[in-house]
Amino acid sequence: MRVDQIFAEARANGTQPVSFEMFPPKGELTLERAREVASGFASLAPDFISVTYSAGGSGNSAATAQIASMISSEFNISTVAHLTCISLTRETLAEKILEFMDAGIENVLALRGDLPAGMSEAEAGDIAFPYAKDLVPALVDAGFCVGGAAYPEGHLTCDDLPTSVKHLRQKQDAGASFLVTQLFFDNEYFYRFRELADAAGITIPITVGIMPFTSKQQVTRMVFTCAASLPAPVIKILARFEDDPESLRAAGIEYACRQLEDLAAHGVDGLHVYTMNRADVAAAAMSALRG
């Protein structure tokens, strides 16, 4: 099913779609292992599952369509295939579109992706698709339901949040049908962002991405790669359980579940869990949201 239809039906029923992300990590995620992960997710009945895309030779990008197709066909769960544009030419985009079509993909999340090694921001302007918004029209014209990324604390390369929201509106104007946010640890950042998005005329659904943290190393990585702020309660958890990995993991998952509950109570359009391919993490989130 198309994700825009999922959101439309949920809105009509007064519900909020809950979705998961799974990823082929750097290296390989075999189809059999992906099937095991998907089976654990399927038992929780998410509204859709997104499958990430490794670009620039950093991973197994060819697995994205294969895994998304497997989830849809074998588990009858809608999927969203990620696609990054920064390394695409018009020819390779045409090839990806055919690959996704052949795999029965209906939904694509258009992303920019990391700049290739050695490329500057100035040089990126000369490539075929420098930004995700440039990728959206071609995917819409090909018949896909297209989503885009949203950044409640602003994009890593954009210090000004209103400007970041302006860029988000450009994705909607280009034809995007839904948005998925970057992770954050303080819900107030999202509520302020939502006010700006409403004022900017963004009307497509925004599903909120939350990643349960399970280790200090993971939090550190997310802070630097996603520009996510660390609120005092998270810092206190990291300090309290610095020498107790199991308790830290449990506290991190619990913290994320409370985030999800609060967001649901504030009427967000949807909730998206960055699961790290862990069914137990997904199960904890779903238990918090659906009981």
C-alpha atoms as a PDB file:
ATOM      1  CA  MET A   1       0.000   0.000   0.000  1.00  0.00           C
ATOM      2  CA  ARG A   2       1.126   3.553  -0.656  1.00  0.00           C
ATOM      3  CA  VAL A   3       2.188   5.428   2.465  1.00  0.00           C
ATOM      4  CA  ASP A   4       0.001   8.418   1.604  1.00  0.00           C
ATOM      5  CA  GLN A   5      -2.978   6.049   1.688  1.00  0.00           C
ATOM      6  CA  ILE A   6      -1.832   4.675   5.052  1.00  0.00           C
ATOM      7  CA  PHE A   7      -1.785   8.180   6.516  1.00  0.00           C
ATOM      8  CA  ALA A   8      -5.119   9.079   4.936  1.00  0.00           C
ATOM      9  CA  GLU A   9      -6.812   6.001   6.402  1.00  0.00           C
ATOM     10  CA  ALA A  10      -5.236   6.601   9.805  1.00  0.00           C
ATOM     11  CA  ARG A  11      -6.410  10.197   9.823  1.00  0.00           C
ATOM     12  CA  ALA A  12      -9.932   9.099   8.930  1.00  0.00           C
ATOM     13  CA  ASN A  13      -9.860   6.554  11.770  1.00  0.00           C
ATOM     14  CA  GLY A  14      -8.265   8.888  14.301  1.00  0.00           C
ATOM     15  CA  THR A  15      -5.131   6.745  14.624  1.00  0.00           C
ATOM     16  CA  GLN A  16      -1.392   7.259  14.145  1.00  0.00           C
ATOM     17  CA  PRO A  17       0.660   4.936  11.918  1.00  0.00           C
ATOM     18  CA  VAL A  18       3.577   3.275  13.665  1.00  0.00           C
ATOM     19  CA  SER A  19       6.506   2.260  11.486  1.00  0.00           C
ATOM     20  CA  PHE A  20       9.973   0.757  11.852  1.00  0.00           C
ATOM     21  CA  GLU A  21      13.279   1.213  10.087  1.00  0.00           C
ATOM     22  CA  MET A  22      15.630  -1.635   9.257  1.00  0.00           C
ATOM     23  CA  PHE A  23      18.980  -1.240   7.601  1.00  0.00           C
ATOM     24  CA  PRO A  24      21.462  -3.203   5.532  1.00  0.00           C
ATOM     25  CA  PRO A  25      24.525  -2.038   7.486  1.00  0.00           C
ATOM     26  CA  LYS A  26      27.941  -1.350   6.080  1.00  0.00           C
ATOM     27  CA  GLY A  27      29.026  -4.591   4.516  1.00  0.00           C
ATOM     28  CA  GLU A  28      26.261  -7.110   3.990  1.00  0.00           C
ATOM     29  CA  LEU A  29      22.868  -7.992   5.395  1.00  0.00           C
ATOM     30  CA  THR A  30      21.986 -11.280   3.765  1.00  0.00           C
ATOM     31  CA  LEU A  31      18.443 -11.812   2.578  1.00  0.00           C
ATOM     32  CA  GLU A  32      18.052 -14.664   5.040  1.00  0.00           C
ATOM     33  CA  ARG A  33      19.129 -12.501   7.974  1.00  0.00           C
ATOM     34  CA  ALA A  34      16.869  -9.707   6.740  1.00  0.00           C
ATOM     35  CA  ARG A  35      14.033 -12.219   6.652  1.00  0.00           C
ATOM     36  CA  GLU A  36      14.675 -13.100  10.303  1.00  0.00           C
ATOM     37  CA  VAL A  37      14.606  -9.429  11.297  1.00  0.00           C
ATOM     38  CA  ALA A  38      11.468  -8.794   9.257  1.00  0.00           C
ATOM     39  CA  SER A  39       9.753 -11.802  10.825  1.00  0.00           C
ATOM     40  CA  GLY A  40      10.314 -10.343  14.274  1.00  0.00           C
ATOM     41  CA  PHE A  41       8.928  -7.007  13.122  1.00  0.00           C
ATOM     42  CA  ALA A  42       5.957  -8.565  11.325  1.00  0.00           C
ATOM     43  CA  SER A  43       4.644 -10.103  14.531  1.00  0.00           C
ATOM     44  CA  LEU A  44       4.244  -6.532  15.847  1.00  0.00           C
ATOM     45  CA  ALA A  45       2.111  -5.460  12.856  1.00  0.00           C
ATOM     46  CA  PRO A  46       3.744  -2.111  11.996  1.00  0.00           C
ATOM     47  CA  ASP A  47       1.985   0.035   9.418  1.00  0.00           C
ATOM     48  CA  PHE A  48       5.106   0.073   7.255  1.00  0.00           C
ATOM     49  CA  ILE A  49       8.825  -0.691   7.353  1.00  0.00           C
ATOM     50  CA  SER A  50      11.477   1.477   5.745  1.00  0.00           C
ATOM     51  CA  VAL A  51      14.692  -0.035   4.403  1.00  0.00           C
ATOM     52  CA  THR A  52      17.804   2.115   4.287  1.00  0.00           C
ATOM     53  CA  TYR A  53      20.153   2.594   1.362  1.00  0.00           C
ATOM     54  CA  SER A  54      23.941   2.541   1.528  1.00  0.00           C
ATOM     55  CA  ALA A  55      25.421   4.970  -0.950  1.00  0.00           C
ATOM     56  CA  GLY A  56      28.892   5.810  -2.177  1.00  0.00           C
ATOM     57  CA  GLY A  57      30.213   2.283  -1.876  1.00  0.00           C
ATOM     58  CA  SER A  58      29.771   2.269   1.926  1.00  0.00           C
ATOM     59  CA  GLY A  59      27.498  -0.741   1.963  1.00  0.00           C
ATOM     60  CA  ASN A  60      25.163  -3.058   0.119  1.00  0.00           C
ATOM     61  CA  SER A  61      22.857  -0.603  -1.662  1.00  0.00           C
ATOM     62  CA  ALA A  62      21.671  -3.299  -4.046  1.00  0.00           C
ATOM     63  CA  ALA A  63      19.940  -5.035  -1.129  1.00  0.00           C
ATOM     64  CA  THR A  64      17.456  -2.222  -0.490  1.00  0.00           C
ATOM     65  CA  ALA A  65      14.932  -3.117  -3.185  1.00  0.00           C
ATOM     66  CA  GLN A  66      15.424  -6.840  -2.634  1.00  0.00           C
ATOM     67  CA  ILE A  67      14.754  -6.625   1.096  1.00  0.00           C
ATOM     68  CA  ALA A  68      11.834  -4.209   0.735  1.00  0.00           C
ATOM     69  CA  SER A  69      10.253  -6.494  -1.871  1.00  0.00           C
ATOM     70  CA  MET A  70      10.729  -9.539   0.363  1.00  0.00           C
ATOM     71  CA  ILE A  71       9.024  -7.825   3.304  1.00  0.00           C
ATOM     72  CA  SER A  72       6.033  -6.800   1.196  1.00  0.00           C
ATOM     73  CA  SER A  73       5.572 -10.124  -0.559  1.00  0.00           C
ATOM     74  CA  GLU A  74       6.276 -12.506   2.315  1.00  0.00           C
ATOM     75  CA  PHE A  75       4.882 -10.575   5.279  1.00  0.00           C
ATOM     76  CA  ASN A  76       2.257  -8.382   3.605  1.00  0.00           C
ATOM     77  CA  ILE A  77       3.678  -5.228   5.173  1.00  0.00           C
ATOM     78  CA  SER A  78       4.048  -2.006   3.214  1.00  0.00           C
ATOM     79  CA  THR A  79       7.631  -0.879   2.718  1.00  0.00           C
ATOM     80  CA  VAL A  80       9.535   2.297   1.920  1.00  0.00           C
ATOM     81  CA  ALA A  81      12.818   1.990   0.029  1.00  0.00           C
ATOM     82  CA  HIS A  82      15.363   4.700   0.812  1.00  0.00           C
ATOM     83  CA  LEU A  83      17.259   6.283  -2.077  1.00  0.00           C
ATOM     84  CA  THR A  84      20.087   8.802  -1.789  1.00  0.00           C
ATOM     85  CA  CYS A  85      20.700  11.199  -4.644  1.00  0.00           C
ATOM     86  CA  ILE A  86      24.146  12.661  -4.099  1.00  0.00           C
ATOM     87  CA  SER A  87      25.988  10.020  -6.151  1.00  0.00           C
ATOM     88  CA  LEU A  88      23.293   9.480  -8.792  1.00  0.00           C
ATOM     89  CA  THR A  89      23.543  10.478 -12.418  1.00  0.00           C
ATOM     90  CA  ARG A  90      20.442  10.711 -14.581  1.00  0.00           C
ATOM     91  CA  GLU A  91      21.375   7.346 -16.063  1.00  0.00           C
ATOM     92  CA  THR A  92      21.843   5.601 -12.733  1.00  0.00           C
ATOM     93  CA  LEU A  93      18.597   7.112 -11.432  1.00  0.00           C
ATOM     94  CA  ALA A  94      16.767   5.645 -14.434  1.00  0.00           C
ATOM     95  CA  GLU A  95      18.324   2.278 -13.589  1.00  0.00           C
ATOM     96  CA  LYS A  96      17.244   2.558  -9.942  1.00  0.00           C
ATOM     97  CA  ILE A  97      13.714   3.463 -10.939  1.00  0.00           C
ATOM     98  CA  LEU A  98      13.500   0.347 -13.113  1.00  0.00           C
ATOM     99  CA  GLU A  99      15.015  -1.761 -10.329  1.00  0.00           C
ATOM    100  CA  PHE A 100      12.462  -0.477  -7.822  1.00  0.00           C
ATOM    101  CA  MET A 101       9.599  -0.963 -10.257  1.00  0.00           C
ATOM    102  CA  ASP A 102      10.657  -4.529 -11.015  1.00  0.00           C
ATOM    103  CA  ALA A 103      10.762  -5.201  -7.265  1.00  0.00           C
ATOM    104  CA  GLY A 104       7.207  -3.908  -6.820  1.00  0.00           C
ATOM    105  CA  ILE A 105       8.301  -0.922  -4.710  1.00  0.00           C
ATOM    106  CA  GLU A 106       5.527   1.648  -4.241  1.00  0.00           C
ATOM    107  CA  ASN A 107       7.131   4.044  -1.759  1.00  0.00           C
ATOM    108  CA  VAL A 108      10.528   5.767  -1.834  1.00  0.00           C
ATOM    109  CA  LEU A 109      12.173   8.011   0.759  1.00  0.00           C
ATOM    110  CA  ALA A 110      14.253  10.554  -1.162  1.00  0.00           C
ATOM    111  CA  LEU A 111      17.404  11.538   0.711  1.00  0.00           C
ATOM    112  CA  ARG A 112      20.511  13.516  -0.081  1.00  0.00           C
ATOM    113  CA  GLY A 113      23.087  11.224   1.474  1.00  0.00           C
ATOM    114  CA  ASP A 114      26.635  11.988   2.533  1.00  0.00           C
ATOM    115  CA  LEU A 115      28.944  13.784   0.140  1.00  0.00           C
ATOM    116  CA  PRO A 116      31.457  11.451  -1.532  1.00  0.00           C
ATOM    117  CA  ALA A 117      34.950  11.617  -0.073  1.00  0.00           C
ATOM    118  CA  GLY A 118      36.773  14.681  -1.316  1.00  0.00           C
ATOM    119  CA  MET A 119      33.684  16.515  -2.594  1.00  0.00           C
ATOM    120  CA  SER A 120      32.940  19.956  -1.173  1.00  0.00           C
ATOM    121  CA  GLU A 121      29.512  21.570  -0.779  1.00  0.00           C
ATOM    122  CA  ALA A 122      30.401  23.950  -3.614  1.00  0.00           C
ATOM    123  CA  GLU A 123      31.243  21.050  -5.923  1.00  0.00           C
ATOM    124  CA  ALA A 124      27.997  19.279  -5.015  1.00  0.00           C
ATOM    125  CA  GLY A 125      26.049  21.972  -6.833  1.00  0.00           C
ATOM    126  CA  ASP A 126      27.409  20.720 -10.143  1.00  0.00           C
ATOM    127  CA  ILE A 127      26.071  17.169  -9.877  1.00  0.00           C
ATOM    128  CA  ALA A 128      22.766  15.930 -11.321  1.00  0.00           C
ATOM    129  CA  PHE A 129      20.803  15.835  -8.053  1.00  0.00           C
ATOM    130  CA  PRO A 130      22.518  17.969  -5.402  1.00  0.00           C
ATOM    131  CA  TYR A 131      19.584  17.903  -2.970  1.00  0.00           C
ATOM    132  CA  ALA A 132      16.770  15.505  -2.133  1.00  0.00           C
ATOM    133  CA  LYS A 133      14.173  17.960  -3.433  1.00  0.00           C
ATOM    134  CA  ASP A 134      15.806  17.637  -6.875  1.00  0.00           C
ATOM    135  CA  LEU A 135      15.192  13.886  -6.819  1.00  0.00           C
ATOM    136  CA  VAL A 136      11.516  14.049  -5.838  1.00  0.00           C
ATOM    137  CA  PRO A 137       9.916  15.070  -9.199  1.00  0.00           C
ATOM    138  CA  ALA A 138      11.525  12.232 -11.159  1.00  0.00           C
ATOM    139  CA  LEU A 139      10.315   9.677  -8.608  1.00  0.00           C
ATOM    140  CA  VAL A 140       6.800  11.146  -8.539  1.00  0.00           C
ATOM    141  CA  ASP A 141       6.683  11.119 -12.344  1.00  0.00           C
ATOM    142  CA  ALA A 142       7.653   7.438 -12.224  1.00  0.00           C
ATOM    143  CA  GLY A 143       4.583   6.746 -10.086  1.00  0.00           C
ATOM    144  CA  PHE A 144       6.113   6.345  -6.634  1.00  0.00           C
ATOM    145  CA  CYS A 145       4.717   7.747  -3.399  1.00  0.00           C
ATOM    146  CA  VAL A 146       7.675   9.851  -2.281  1.00  0.00           C
ATOM    147  CA  GLY A 147       8.737  10.898   1.195  1.00  0.00           C
ATOM    148  CA  GLY A 148      11.420  13.266   2.453  1.00  0.00           C
ATOM    149  CA  ALA A 149      13.491  13.801   5.569  1.00  0.00           C
ATOM    150  CA  ALA A 150      12.733  16.518   8.129  1.00  0.00           C
ATOM    151  CA  TYR A 151      15.103  17.934  10.728  1.00  0.00           C
ATOM    152  CA  PRO A 152      13.493  19.209  13.960  1.00  0.00           C
ATOM    153  CA  GLU A 153      16.786  20.725  15.143  1.00  0.00           C
ATOM    154  CA  GLY A 154      17.838  21.870  11.687  1.00  0.00           C
ATOM    155  CA  HIS A 155      20.065  20.115   9.176  1.00  0.00           C
ATOM    156  CA  LEU A 156      23.714  19.533  10.054  1.00  0.00           C
ATOM    157  CA  THR A 157      24.731  21.873   7.214  1.00  0.00           C
ATOM    158  CA  CYS A 158      22.089  24.526   7.976  1.00  0.00           C
ATOM    159  CA  ASP A 159      22.345  26.498  11.225  1.00  0.00           C
ATOM    160  CA  ASP A 160      19.080  28.391  10.719  1.00  0.00           C
ATOM    161  CA  LEU A 161      15.951  26.385  11.527  1.00  0.00           C
ATOM    162  CA  PRO A 162      13.501  28.625   9.591  1.00  0.00           C
ATOM    163  CA  THR A 163      15.702  28.173   6.510  1.00  0.00           C
ATOM    164  CA  SER A 164      15.698  24.420   7.061  1.00  0.00           C
ATOM    165  CA  VAL A 165      11.884  24.492   7.219  1.00  0.00           C
ATOM    166  CA  LYS A 166      11.840  26.521   3.992  1.00  0.00           C
ATOM    167  CA  HIS A 167      13.841  23.750   2.342  1.00  0.00           C
ATOM    168  CA  LEU A 168      11.300  21.278   3.699  1.00  0.00           C
ATOM    169  CA  ARG A 169       8.473  23.181   2.051  1.00  0.00           C
ATOM    170  CA  GLN A 170      10.382  22.851  -1.226  1.00  0.00           C
ATOM    171  CA  LYS A 171      10.215  19.057  -0.885  1.00  0.00           C
ATOM    172  CA  GLN A 172       6.450  19.272  -0.463  1.00  0.00           C
ATOM    173  CA  ASP A 173       6.145  21.613  -3.438  1.00  0.00           C
ATOM    174  CA  ALA A 174       8.242  19.187  -5.509  1.00  0.00           C
ATOM    175  CA  GLY A 175       5.688  16.437  -4.875  1.00  0.00           C
ATOM    176  CA  ALA A 176       6.632  14.706  -1.602  1.00  0.00           C
ATOM    177  CA  SER A 177       3.640  13.060   0.096  1.00  0.00           C
ATOM    178  CA  PHE A 178       5.028  12.499   3.609  1.00  0.00           C
ATOM    179  CA  LEU A 179       8.003  13.378   5.815  1.00  0.00           C
ATOM    180  CA  VAL A 180      10.064  11.402   8.335  1.00  0.00           C
ATOM    181  CA  THR A 181      12.059  13.259  10.973  1.00  0.00           C
ATOM    182  CA  GLN A 182      15.614  12.858  12.094  1.00  0.00           C
ATOM    183  CA  LEU A 183      15.921  11.498  15.639  1.00  0.00           C
ATOM    184  CA  PHE A 184      15.911  13.792  18.673  1.00  0.00           C
ATOM    185  CA  PHE A 185      15.976  13.340  22.446  1.00  0.00           C
ATOM    186  CA  ASP A 186      13.839  16.293  23.554  1.00  0.00           C
ATOM    187  CA  ASN A 187      10.253  16.425  22.282  1.00  0.00           C
ATOM    188  CA  GLU A 188      10.081  20.182  22.755  1.00  0.00           C
ATOM    189  CA  TYR A 189      12.351  20.536  19.729  1.00  0.00           C
ATOM    190  CA  PHE A 190       9.745  18.763  17.629  1.00  0.00           C
ATOM    191  CA  TYR A 191       6.825  20.794  18.950  1.00  0.00           C
ATOM    192  CA  ARG A 192       8.615  24.038  18.094  1.00  0.00           C
ATOM    193  CA  PHE A 193       9.529  22.638  14.698  1.00  0.00           C
ATOM    194  CA  ARG A 194       5.922  21.615  14.052  1.00  0.00           C
ATOM    195  CA  GLU A 195       4.761  25.172  14.710  1.00  0.00           C
ATOM    196  CA  LEU A 196       7.266  26.457  12.149  1.00  0.00           C
ATOM    197  CA  ALA A 197       6.205  23.794   9.652  1.00  0.00           C
ATOM    198  CA  ASP A 198       2.537  24.705  10.070  1.00  0.00           C
ATOM    199  CA  ALA A 199       3.358  28.384   9.583  1.00  0.00           C
ATOM    200  CA  ALA A 200       5.316  27.530   6.431  1.00  0.00           C
ATOM    201  CA  GLY A 201       2.279  25.796   4.929  1.00  0.00           C
ATOM    202  CA  ILE A 202       3.543  22.237   5.257  1.00  0.00           C
ATOM    203  CA  THR A 203       0.424  20.105   5.179  1.00  0.00           C
ATOM    204  CA  ILE A 204       1.716  16.624   4.354  1.00  0.00           C
ATOM    205  CA  PRO A 205       2.024  14.151   7.261  1.00  0.00           C
ATOM    206  CA  ILE A 206       5.160  14.316   9.394  1.00  0.00           C
ATOM    207  CA  THR A 207       5.990  11.023  11.075  1.00  0.00           C
ATOM    208  CA  VAL A 208       8.323  11.406  14.026  1.00  0.00           C
ATOM    209  CA  GLY A 209      11.535   9.386  14.204  1.00  0.00           C
ATOM    210  CA  ILE A 210      12.799   8.214  17.602  1.00  0.00           C
ATOM    211  CA  MET A 211      15.836   6.014  18.245  1.00  0.00           C
ATOM    212  CA  PRO A 212      16.098   4.221  21.599  1.00  0.00           C
ATOM    213  CA  PHE A 213      19.686   4.530  22.791  1.00  0.00           C
ATOM    214  CA  THR A 214      21.355   1.430  24.167  1.00  0.00           C
ATOM    215  CA  SER A 215      24.965   2.484  24.807  1.00  0.00           C
ATOM    216  CA  LYS A 216      27.081   5.568  25.450  1.00  0.00           C
ATOM    217  CA  GLN A 217      28.990   4.936  22.230  1.00  0.00           C
ATOM    218  CA  GLN A 218      25.756   4.943  20.250  1.00  0.00           C
ATOM    219  CA  VAL A 219      24.640   8.248  21.777  1.00  0.00           C
ATOM    220  CA  THR A 220      28.009   9.855  21.047  1.00  0.00           C
ATOM    221  CA  ARG A 221      27.838   8.734  17.432  1.00  0.00           C
ATOM    222  CA  MET A 222      24.316  10.067  16.994  1.00  0.00           C
ATOM    223  CA  VAL A 223      25.175  13.442  18.507  1.00  0.00           C
ATOM    224  CA  PHE A 224      27.958  14.001  16.000  1.00  0.00           C
ATOM    225  CA  THR A 225      26.348  12.465  12.909  1.00  0.00           C
ATOM    226  CA  CYS A 226      22.814  13.799  13.435  1.00  0.00           C
ATOM    227  CA  ALA A 227      23.496  17.032  15.344  1.00  0.00           C
ATOM    228  CA  ALA A 228      21.065  15.910  18.032  1.00  0.00           C
ATOM    229  CA  SER A 229      21.139  17.810  21.339  1.00  0.00           C
ATOM    230  CA  LEU A 230      21.533  15.922  24.602  1.00  0.00           C
ATOM    231  CA  PRO A 231      19.039  17.041  27.272  1.00  0.00           C
ATOM    232  CA  ALA A 232      19.913  16.783  30.953  1.00  0.00           C
ATOM    233  CA  PRO A 233      17.835  13.609  31.591  1.00  0.00           C
ATOM    234  CA  VAL A 234      19.819  11.696  28.949  1.00  0.00           C
ATOM    235  CA  ILE A 235      23.130  12.942  30.325  1.00  0.00           C
ATOM    236  CA  LYS A 236      22.079  11.816  33.807  1.00  0.00           C
ATOM    237  CA  ILE A 237      21.186   8.338  32.499  1.00  0.00           C
ATOM    238  CA  LEU A 238      24.570   8.051  30.779  1.00  0.00           C
ATOM    239  CA  ALA A 239      26.365   9.127  33.967  1.00  0.00           C
ATOM    240  CA  ARG A 240      24.301   6.963  36.316  1.00  0.00           C
ATOM    241  CA  PHE A 241      24.788   3.753  34.345  1.00  0.00           C
ATOM    242  CA  GLU A 242      28.217   4.394  32.828  1.00  0.00           C
ATOM    243  CA  ASP A 243      29.564   1.148  34.317  1.00  0.00           C
ATOM    244  CA  ASP A 244      26.363  -0.868  33.947  1.00  0.00           C
ATOM    245  CA  PRO A 245      25.710  -1.526  30.234  1.00  0.00           C
ATOM    246  CA  GLU A 246      22.572  -3.596  30.758  1.00  0.00           C
ATOM    247  CA  SER A 247      20.926  -0.998  32.980  1.00  0.00           C
ATOM    248  CA  LEU A 248      21.928   1.744  30.558  1.00  0.00           C
ATOM    249  CA  ARG A 249      20.344  -0.161  27.706  1.00  0.00           C
ATOM    250  CA  ALA A 250      17.112  -0.670  29.639  1.00  0.00           C
ATOM    251  CA  ALA A 251      17.004   2.984  30.699  1.00  0.00           C
ATOM    252  CA  GLY A 252      17.647   4.184  27.150  1.00  0.00           C
ATOM    253  CA  ILE A 253      14.807   2.109  25.741  1.00  0.00           C
ATOM    254  CA  GLU A 254      12.504   3.251  28.538  1.00  0.00           C
ATOM    255  CA  TYR A 255      13.396   6.893  27.839  1.00  0.00           C
ATOM    256  CA  ALA A 256      12.501   6.476  24.158  1.00  0.00           C
ATOM    257  CA  CYS A 257       9.203   4.808  25.051  1.00  0.00           C
ATOM    258  CA  ARG A 258       8.251   7.793  27.217  1.00  0.00           C
ATOM    259  CA  GLN A 259       9.152  10.074  24.295  1.00  0.00           C
ATOM    260  CA  LEU A 260       6.877   8.080  22.000  1.00  0.00           C
ATOM    261  CA  GLU A 261       3.989   8.136  24.476  1.00  0.00           C
ATOM    262  CA  ASP A 262       4.250  11.897  24.871  1.00  0.00           C
ATOM    263  CA  LEU A 263       4.405  12.454  21.118  1.00  0.00           C
ATOM    264  CA  ALA A 264       1.362  10.242  20.579  1.00  0.00           C
ATOM    265  CA  ALA A 265      -0.531  12.182  23.249  1.00  0.00           C
ATOM    266  CA  HIS A 266       0.332  15.419  21.439  1.00  0.00           C
ATOM    267  CA  GLY A 267      -1.317  14.152  18.272  1.00  0.00           C
ATOM    268  CA  VAL A 268       1.646  13.753  15.935  1.00  0.00           C
ATOM    269  CA  ASP A 269       0.860  12.389  12.474  1.00  0.00           C
ATOM    270  CA  GLY A 270       2.827   9.179  12.917  1.00  0.00           C
ATOM    271  CA  LEU A 271       5.651   7.509  14.858  1.00  0.00           C
ATOM    272  CA  HIS A 272       8.739   5.943  13.316  1.00  0.00           C
ATOM    273  CA  VAL A 273      11.138   3.828  15.367  1.00  0.00           C
ATOM    274  CA  TYR A 274      14.802   3.525  14.426  1.00  0.00           C
ATOM    275  CA  THR A 275      15.079  -0.068  15.604  1.00  0.00           C
ATOM    276  CA  MET A 276      18.730  -0.909  14.844  1.00  0.00           C
ATOM    277  CA  ASN A 277      17.297  -4.175  13.449  1.00  0.00           C
ATOM    278  CA  ARG A 278      16.347  -5.254  16.978  1.00  0.00           C
ATOM    279  CA  ALA A 279      12.916  -6.812  17.394  1.00  0.00           C
ATOM    280  CA  ASP A 280      13.042  -6.343  21.182  1.00  0.00           C
ATOM    281  CA  VAL A 281      13.529  -2.600  20.726  1.00  0.00           C
ATOM    282  CA  ALA A 282      10.627  -2.491  18.283  1.00  0.00           C
ATOM    283  CA  ALA A 283       8.483  -4.555  20.646  1.00  0.00           C
ATOM    284  CA  ALA A 284       9.134  -2.209  23.577  1.00  0.00           C
ATOM    285  CA  ALA A 285       8.132   0.777  21.447  1.00  0.00           C
ATOM    286  CA  MET A 286       4.993  -0.911  20.183  1.00  0.00           C
ATOM    287  CA  SER A 287       4.018  -1.967  23.706  1.00  0.00           C
ATOM    288  CA  ALA A 288       4.321   1.637  24.868  1.00  0.00           C
ATOM    289  CA  LEU A 289       2.161   2.866  21.997  1.00  0.00           C
ATOM    290  CA  ARG A 290      -0.439   0.141  21.638  1.00  0.00           C
ATOM    291  CA  GLY A 291      -0.347  -1.664  24.935  1.00  0.00           C
END
